Amino acid sequence: MTRPWPPQACRVSLPRAGGAAAGHIATGTALANTAEDPRRLCAWRQAQQHRLTRTPTQSRVLAYVLVRSAQDFSGRLALARRHAEGQGLHVVRTVVEEHWRTDPLLRPGLAGALAAIRRREADGLVCVSRTDISSSGALYVAFLHVLHGADGFLSLQRAETTP
């Protein structure tokens, strides 16, 4: 019997009276260790995308890019849009995020994108690379759990195995 991938070592905590943010990702060391295998991580993410995009209708996606406030976002956005077109995905909206918070769910643009996926306004996200979500392996994996729990997928122009 094979072990399920990825391990269920993350949880999403609910808001607390003390002011903890809604949807904050909590991670454990087991989850952090699994994030070190980019090939398995890439295969897991792509399997979710394949499962959700094999329908005859064109999947609707949100193009999401994370930029510094002074950075020109047009290049990254063009890469994300070209990737979506190449994958046969229809971009229904773009989200340009300038809030550099470590926890991806604390970014207003990404939280709004997840809400749109939950409302079925879009089927998934398209990004240039995983660093648009998080450079932390554990937070990236935890975000994928939240996204997959919303029945959404992530399509990356540069796979996790690309340096």
Protein backbone atom coordinates (compact mmCIF):
# COMPACT_ATOMS: atom_id res chain seq x y z
CA MET A 1 0.00 0.00 0.00
CA THR A 2 1.38 3.39 -0.96
CA ARG A 3 1.19 6.39 1.30
CA PRO A 4 -1.09 9.20 0.12
CA TRP A 5 0.63 12.21 -1.33
CA PRO A 6 0.82 14.77 0.10
CA PRO A 7 0.60 14.00 3.79
CA GLN A 8 -2.23 15.68 5.63
CA ALA A 9 0.10 17.64 7.92
CA CYS A 10 -1.39 21.07 7.48
CA ARG A 11 -4.53 22.68 8.72
CA VAL A 12 -6.37 25.91 8.16
CA SER A 13 -7.18 27.60 11.43
CA LEU A 14 -10.38 29.55 11.92
CA PRO A 15 -10.47 33.18 13.04
CA ARG A 16 -10.01 33.72 16.76
CA ALA A 17 -11.28 36.46 18.98
CA GLY A 18 -7.65 37.48 19.56
CA GLY A 19 -7.38 38.69 15.97
CA ALA A 20 -5.80 35.75 14.13
CA ALA A 21 -6.41 36.11 10.41
CA ALA A 22 -9.07 34.02 8.74
CA GLY A 23 -7.58 31.22 6.69
CA HIS A 24 -4.07 31.54 8.13
CA ILE A 25 -1.99 28.51 7.14
CA ALA A 26 -0.42 26.51 9.93
CA THR A 27 2.24 24.00 8.94
CA GLY A 28 4.07 21.18 10.62
CA THR A 29 7.59 19.85 10.12
CA ALA A 30 6.34 16.80 8.22
CA LEU A 31 4.76 19.08 5.66
CA ALA A 32 7.91 21.17 5.38
CA ASN A 33 9.92 18.02 4.66
CA THR A 34 7.59 16.91 1.84
CA ALA A 35 7.95 20.28 0.12
CA GLU A 36 11.59 19.42 -0.58
CA ASP A 37 10.66 16.91 -3.34
CA PRO A 38 9.81 19.16 -6.30
CA ARG A 39 9.10 16.30 -8.73
CA ARG A 40 6.41 14.75 -6.53
CA LEU A 41 5.02 18.18 -5.74
CA CYS A 42 4.83 19.04 -9.44
CA ALA A 43 3.16 15.70 -10.26
CA TRP A 44 0.58 16.23 -7.49
CA ARG A 45 -0.25 19.77 -8.66
CA GLN A 46 -0.49 18.68 -12.30
CA ALA A 47 -2.72 15.72 -11.42
CA GLN A 48 -5.19 18.11 -9.76
CA GLN A 49 -5.09 20.37 -12.82
CA HIS A 50 -5.65 17.42 -15.17
CA ARG A 51 -8.55 16.13 -13.07
CA LEU A 52 -10.30 19.50 -13.18
CA THR A 53 -9.58 20.45 -16.80
CA ARG A 54 -10.48 17.26 -18.64
CA THR A 55 -14.04 18.42 -19.30
CA PRO A 56 -15.14 19.44 -22.80
CA THR A 57 -15.63 23.08 -21.77
CA GLN A 58 -12.73 25.50 -21.56
CA SER A 59 -11.53 26.04 -18.00
CA ARG A 60 -11.70 29.58 -16.65
CA VAL A 61 -8.69 30.86 -14.74
CA LEU A 62 -7.44 33.89 -12.90
CA ALA A 63 -3.99 35.10 -13.92
CA TYR A 64 -2.17 35.94 -10.67
CA VAL A 65 1.18 37.73 -10.40
CA LEU A 66 3.00 38.92 -7.31
CA VAL A 67 5.18 42.01 -7.83
CA ARG A 68 6.95 44.62 -5.80
CA SER A 69 5.11 47.94 -5.79
CA ALA A 70 7.70 49.68 -7.99
CA GLN A 71 8.08 46.70 -10.36
CA ASP A 72 6.47 46.66 -13.81
CA PHE A 73 4.07 43.71 -13.80
CA SER A 74 3.33 43.64 -17.54
CA GLY A 75 6.10 41.13 -18.38
CA ARG A 76 5.03 38.58 -15.77
CA LEU A 77 1.38 39.05 -16.61
CA ALA A 78 2.09 38.49 -20.32
CA LEU A 79 3.96 35.26 -19.47
CA ALA A 80 1.04 34.01 -17.36
CA ARG A 81 -1.50 34.86 -20.09
CA ARG A 82 0.58 33.19 -22.83
CA HIS A 83 0.91 30.09 -20.67
CA ALA A 84 -2.87 30.01 -20.12
CA GLU A 85 -3.51 30.26 -23.86
CA GLY A 86 -1.00 27.48 -24.54
CA GLN A 87 -2.81 25.25 -22.04
CA GLY A 88 -6.23 26.00 -23.56
CA LEU A 89 -7.33 27.97 -20.47
CA HIS A 90 -9.51 31.09 -20.64
CA VAL A 91 -8.33 34.01 -18.44
CA VAL A 92 -11.42 35.66 -16.98
CA ARG A 93 -9.62 38.12 -14.72
CA THR A 94 -6.14 39.20 -13.73
CA VAL A 95 -4.95 39.80 -10.19
CA VAL A 96 -1.78 41.84 -9.64
CA GLU A 97 -0.71 41.57 -6.01
CA GLU A 98 1.65 44.06 -4.41
CA HIS A 99 1.27 42.85 -0.82
CA TRP A 100 4.42 40.90 0.05
CA ARG A 101 3.20 38.87 2.99
CA THR A 102 4.80 35.54 3.76
CA ASP A 103 1.52 33.73 4.29
CA PRO A 104 -0.18 33.72 0.89
CA LEU A 105 -3.68 33.65 2.40
CA LEU A 106 -3.04 36.98 4.10
CA ARG A 107 -2.67 38.69 0.72
CA PRO A 108 -5.93 40.39 -0.26
CA GLY A 109 -5.64 39.63 -3.98
CA LEU A 110 -4.93 35.93 -3.50
CA ALA A 111 -7.64 35.60 -0.85
CA GLY A 112 -10.05 37.21 -3.31
CA ALA A 113 -8.95 34.81 -6.05
CA LEU A 114 -9.64 31.84 -3.75
CA ALA A 115 -13.07 33.27 -2.95
CA ALA A 116 -13.82 33.55 -6.69
CA ILE A 117 -12.83 29.91 -7.16
CA ARG A 118 -15.08 28.86 -4.28
CA ARG A 119 -17.95 30.82 -5.90
CA ARG A 120 -17.18 28.95 -9.18
CA GLU A 121 -16.42 32.19 -11.02
CA ALA A 122 -13.13 30.55 -12.03
CA ASP A 123 -11.73 27.03 -11.99
CA GLY A 124 -8.13 27.77 -11.09
CA LEU A 125 -5.11 30.05 -11.05
CA VAL A 126 -2.35 30.62 -13.59
CA CYS A 127 1.00 31.93 -12.34
CA VAL A 128 4.47 32.27 -13.78
CA SER A 129 6.17 30.33 -10.98
CA ARG A 130 5.52 28.97 -7.52
CA THR A 131 7.18 32.05 -6.02
CA ASP A 132 4.05 33.99 -7.00
CA ILE A 133 2.40 31.92 -4.26
CA SER A 134 5.30 31.44 -1.83
CA SER A 135 9.03 30.79 -1.85
CA SER A 136 8.50 28.75 1.34
CA GLY A 137 7.98 25.11 0.43
CA ALA A 138 5.75 24.44 3.43
CA LEU A 139 3.51 27.46 2.80
CA TYR A 140 3.31 26.62 -0.91
CA VAL A 141 2.18 23.05 -0.19
CA ALA A 142 -0.28 24.26 2.43
CA PHE A 143 -1.72 26.75 -0.07
CA LEU A 144 -2.16 23.95 -2.62
CA HIS A 145 -4.14 22.02 -0.01
CA VAL A 146 -6.45 25.02 0.46
CA LEU A 147 -6.77 25.54 -3.31
CA HIS A 148 -7.49 21.87 -3.96
CA GLY A 149 -10.01 21.87 -1.11
CA ALA A 150 -11.84 24.64 -2.99
CA ASP A 151 -11.81 22.37 -6.08
CA GLY A 152 -9.35 24.66 -7.80
CA PHE A 153 -6.07 24.05 -9.56
CA LEU A 154 -2.81 25.89 -10.16
CA SER A 155 -1.11 25.98 -13.54
CA LEU A 156 2.49 27.20 -13.54
CA GLN A 157 4.45 28.45 -16.54
CA ARG A 158 7.64 27.27 -14.77
CA ALA A 159 7.29 23.94 -12.99
CA GLU A 160 8.51 23.43 -9.43
CA THR A 161 11.48 21.49 -10.83
CA THR A 162 12.66 24.49 -12.90
CA PRO A 163 15.41 26.44 -11.13
